[in-house]
Protein backbone atom coordinates (compact mmCIF):
# COMPACT_ATOMS: atom_id res chain seq x y z
CA UNK A 1 0.00 0.00 0.00
CA UNK A 2 1.10 3.55 -0.67
CA UNK A 3 2.84 5.15 2.28
CA UNK A 4 4.89 8.29 2.66
CA UNK A 5 8.18 6.41 3.00
CA UNK A 6 7.60 4.20 -0.04
CA UNK A 7 6.59 7.10 -2.28
CA UNK A 8 9.37 9.42 -1.07
CA UNK A 9 12.16 6.87 -1.42
CA UNK A 10 11.00 6.00 -4.93
CA UNK A 11 11.21 9.70 -5.83
CA UNK A 12 14.75 9.86 -4.42
CA UNK A 13 15.72 6.76 -6.41
CA UNK A 14 14.40 8.24 -9.65
CA UNK A 15 16.37 11.42 -9.04
CA UNK A 16 19.52 9.39 -8.30
CA UNK A 17 19.14 7.60 -11.64
CA UNK A 18 19.14 11.02 -13.27
CA UNK A 19 22.40 11.96 -11.52
CA UNK A 20 24.32 8.69 -10.97
CA UNK A 21 27.61 10.47 -10.35
CA UNK A 22 26.22 12.50 -7.47
CA UNK A 23 27.44 15.73 -9.05
CA UNK A 24 24.36 17.88 -8.44
CA UNK A 25 24.78 21.10 -6.51
CA UNK A 26 22.58 24.14 -6.02
CA UNK A 27 24.18 25.99 -8.95
CA UNK A 28 23.36 23.25 -11.45
CA UNK A 29 20.43 21.68 -9.65
CA UNK A 30 17.66 21.67 -12.25
CA UNK A 31 18.36 18.80 -14.64
CA UNK A 32 14.88 18.24 -15.99
CA UNK A 33 16.22 18.04 -19.54
CA UNK A 34 18.25 14.95 -18.58
CA UNK A 35 15.30 13.09 -17.05
CA UNK A 36 13.41 11.10 -19.69
CA UNK A 37 9.70 11.84 -20.07
CA UNK A 38 8.52 8.51 -18.64
CA UNK A 39 10.49 8.89 -15.39
CA UNK A 40 9.50 12.52 -15.01
CA UNK A 41 5.83 11.65 -15.48
CA UNK A 42 6.26 8.96 -12.81
CA UNK A 43 7.85 11.47 -10.43
CA UNK A 44 4.98 13.90 -11.08
CA UNK A 45 2.43 11.26 -10.07
CA UNK A 46 4.39 10.44 -6.91
CA UNK A 47 4.77 14.14 -6.12
CA UNK A 48 1.01 14.62 -6.50
CA UNK A 49 0.42 11.74 -4.06
CA UNK A 50 2.62 13.40 -1.42
CA UNK A 51 0.83 16.72 -1.82
CA UNK A 52 -2.60 15.08 -1.63
CA UNK A 53 -1.78 12.91 1.38
CA UNK A 54 -0.33 15.61 3.61
CA UNK A 55 -1.83 16.37 7.01
CA UNK A 56 -2.85 19.95 7.75
CA UNK A 57 -3.71 21.50 11.08
CA UNK A 58 -4.14 25.04 12.32
CA UNK A 59 -2.07 26.54 15.10
CA UNK A 60 -2.98 29.71 16.93
CA UNK A 61 -0.57 32.36 18.14
CA UNK A 62 -0.03 30.43 21.40
CA UNK A 63 1.15 27.34 19.53
CA UNK A 64 -1.88 25.20 20.34
CA UNK A 65 -2.78 22.80 17.55
CA UNK A 66 -6.20 21.92 16.18
CA UNK A 67 -6.38 19.12 13.58
CA UNK A 68 -8.05 19.36 10.19
CA UNK A 69 -9.93 16.38 8.81
CA UNK A 70 -8.25 16.72 5.40
CA UNK A 71 -6.02 19.11 3.42
CA UNK A 72 -7.69 22.26 2.19
CA UNK A 73 -10.01 22.75 5.16
CA UNK A 74 -10.58 26.43 5.85
CA UNK A 75 -9.34 27.99 9.09
CA UNK A 76 -11.90 28.12 11.88
CA UNK A 77 -10.03 30.11 14.53
CA UNK A 78 -9.74 33.44 12.77
CA UNK A 79 -6.90 35.50 11.33
CA UNK A 80 -4.50 34.72 14.19
CA UNK A 81 -4.17 31.07 13.14
CA UNK A 82 -1.67 29.60 10.68
CA UNK A 83 -1.82 26.36 8.72
CA UNK A 84 0.87 23.80 9.56
CA UNK A 85 1.67 20.87 7.26
CA UNK A 86 3.21 17.47 8.00
CA UNK A 87 2.96 13.79 7.02
CA UNK A 88 2.21 10.50 8.76
CA UNK A 89 1.25 6.91 8.05
CA UNK A 90 -1.98 6.73 6.00
CA UNK A 91 -5.02 5.25 7.68
CA UNK A 92 -6.40 2.39 5.55
CA UNK A 93 -9.84 3.14 6.94
CA UNK A 94 -9.74 6.81 5.89
CA UNK A 95 -8.24 6.94 2.37
CA UNK A 96 -6.44 10.12 1.40
CA UNK A 97 -6.32 11.70 4.85
CA UNK A 98 -2.69 11.19 5.76
CA UNK A 99 -3.94 9.97 9.13
CA UNK A 100 -2.05 7.39 11.16
CA UNK A 101 -3.79 4.05 11.90
CA UNK A 102 -4.44 5.00 15.54
CA UNK A 103 -6.04 8.29 14.49
CA UNK A 104 -9.33 9.15 12.84
CA UNK A 105 -10.59 11.81 10.47
CA UNK A 106 -10.90 14.42 13.23
CA UNK A 107 -7.72 13.53 15.13
CA UNK A 108 -4.92 13.07 12.59
CA UNK A 109 -1.59 11.85 13.92
CA UNK A 110 1.68 12.75 12.20
CA UNK A 111 5.36 12.18 12.89
CA UNK A 112 8.48 14.12 12.00
CA UNK A 113 10.24 11.11 10.52
CA UNK A 114 7.59 10.80 7.79
CA UNK A 115 7.60 14.57 7.41
CA UNK A 116 11.35 14.71 6.89
CA UNK A 117 11.40 12.00 4.20
CA UNK A 118 8.51 13.71 2.42
CA UNK A 119 10.48 16.97 2.41
CA UNK A 120 13.58 15.26 1.01
CA UNK A 121 11.42 13.92 -1.82
CA UNK A 122 9.82 17.31 -2.52
CA UNK A 123 13.29 18.85 -2.70
CA UNK A 124 14.39 16.12 -5.13
CA UNK A 125 11.36 16.94 -7.29
CA UNK A 126 12.32 20.62 -7.33
CA UNK A 127 15.77 19.68 -8.63
CA UNK A 128 14.23 18.16 -11.75
CA UNK A 129 11.74 20.98 -12.33
CA UNK A 130 8.65 19.67 -10.46
CA UNK A 131 7.48 22.53 -8.27
CA UNK A 132 5.72 22.36 -4.90
CA UNK A 133 3.20 25.10 -3.96
CA UNK A 134 4.70 27.79 -1.73
CA UNK A 135 2.00 27.28 0.91
CA UNK A 136 3.21 23.70 1.41
CA UNK A 137 6.80 24.83 2.10
CA UNK A 138 5.51 27.52 4.46
CA UNK A 139 3.19 25.11 6.24
CA UNK A 140 6.03 22.67 6.94
CA UNK A 141 8.21 25.54 8.16
CA UNK A 142 5.48 26.60 10.58
CA UNK A 143 5.07 22.99 11.74
CA UNK A 144 8.73 22.54 12.70
CA UNK A 145 9.05 25.98 14.28
CA UNK A 146 5.96 25.22 16.36
CA UNK A 147 7.37 21.91 17.59
CA UNK A 148 10.83 23.16 18.53
CA UNK A 149 11.36 23.14 22.29
CA UNK A 150 10.55 26.49 23.89
CA UNK A 151 13.56 26.44 26.18
CA UNK A 152 16.78 24.52 26.78
CA UNK A 153 20.23 24.63 28.35
CA UNK A 154 22.62 27.45 27.45
CA UNK A 155 25.40 26.49 25.02
CA UNK A 156 28.17 28.49 23.38
CA UNK A 157 27.40 29.58 19.85
CA UNK A 158 29.68 28.01 17.25
CA UNK A 159 31.30 30.44 14.83
CA UNK A 160 33.73 30.24 11.92
CA UNK A 161 37.18 31.81 12.19
CA UNK A 162 39.23 33.38 9.38
CA UNK A 163 40.74 30.01 8.46
CA UNK A 164 37.32 28.41 8.07
CA UNK A 165 37.53 26.37 11.26
CA UNK A 166 34.75 26.25 13.85
CA UNK A 167 35.25 28.12 17.10
CA UNK A 168 33.19 29.16 20.13
CA UNK A 169 32.10 32.78 20.29
CA UNK A 170 31.15 34.93 23.27
CA UNK A 171 27.42 34.42 22.81
CA UNK A 172 25.15 31.89 24.47
CA UNK A 173 22.31 30.19 22.63
CA UNK A 174 19.60 27.90 23.96
CA UNK A 175 19.84 24.25 22.93
CA UNK A 176 16.26 23.56 21.78
CA UNK A 177 15.53 20.29 20.06
CA UNK A 178 12.75 18.61 18.10
CA UNK A 179 10.58 15.60 19.07
CA UNK A 180 9.13 12.75 17.04
CA UNK A 181 5.68 14.25 17.69
CA UNK A 182 4.44 17.35 19.49
CA UNK A 183 3.48 17.28 23.16
CA UNK A 184 0.69 19.86 23.21
CA UNK A 185 -1.68 18.60 20.55
CA UNK A 186 -3.36 15.40 19.29
CA UNK A 187 -0.47 13.10 20.25
CA UNK A 188 -0.19 10.00 22.43
CA UNK A 189 2.37 10.54 25.19
CA UNK A 190 3.67 6.99 25.48
CA UNK A 191 7.04 5.73 24.22
CA UNK A 192 8.77 9.07 24.76
CA UNK A 193 7.60 10.37 21.37
CA UNK A 194 7.28 13.92 22.66
CA UNK A 195 10.88 14.20 23.93
CA UNK A 196 13.60 15.75 21.79
CA UNK A 197 16.11 13.18 20.51
CA UNK A 198 19.38 13.42 18.59
CA UNK A 199 17.95 11.97 15.38
CA UNK A 200 14.84 14.16 15.48
CA UNK A 201 17.01 17.23 16.06
CA UNK A 202 18.87 16.36 12.85
CA UNK A 203 15.52 15.84 11.08
CA UNK A 204 14.18 19.17 12.36
CA UNK A 205 17.25 21.20 11.41
CA UNK A 206 17.52 19.54 8.02
CA UNK A 207 13.84 20.15 7.32
CA UNK A 208 14.14 23.83 8.24
CA UNK A 209 17.11 24.16 5.86
CA UNK A 210 15.09 22.61 3.03
């Protein structure tokens, strides 16, 4: 059955076929002309599946989340709310909702592992000329910023010296990580899913960069 991971990894594989030497960089990223029409059409269908099967929810100015039943639902909390976007495991009982099996159409459940792999695939699509709507990029940005820890221990900021090496600077930052799922919304609290972990911090930072 179609799932975010399966679709996203297939997209990444198709892009890799287009650039077997791994020579792509941001200056020469768009190589649509080198991707044959059949593979590009396949990527477009996979891309459309990811866009359709996203999970949307609205978050108010205080960061409290309220789930939407399906993408495209209009905001119900007024102008102060923003639409956040993420991905999860599809619910076989609710086709097309992007809802996890333990959720339902009014309580969608996402995770940042699925969301990260979906973002990697969307970025791969952009490198071969398949564009993602701006509101999707913005929605994912809002999602990760909302889930970042509000506070954390002080750490020295890492800078770059004149030789290009990393060095500590005289400024403290707060070490604020990312969880597998958010703690303040429609999320089960078992299994430590709402705690920041090393791998989810990498997923969160990488997703914000994308």
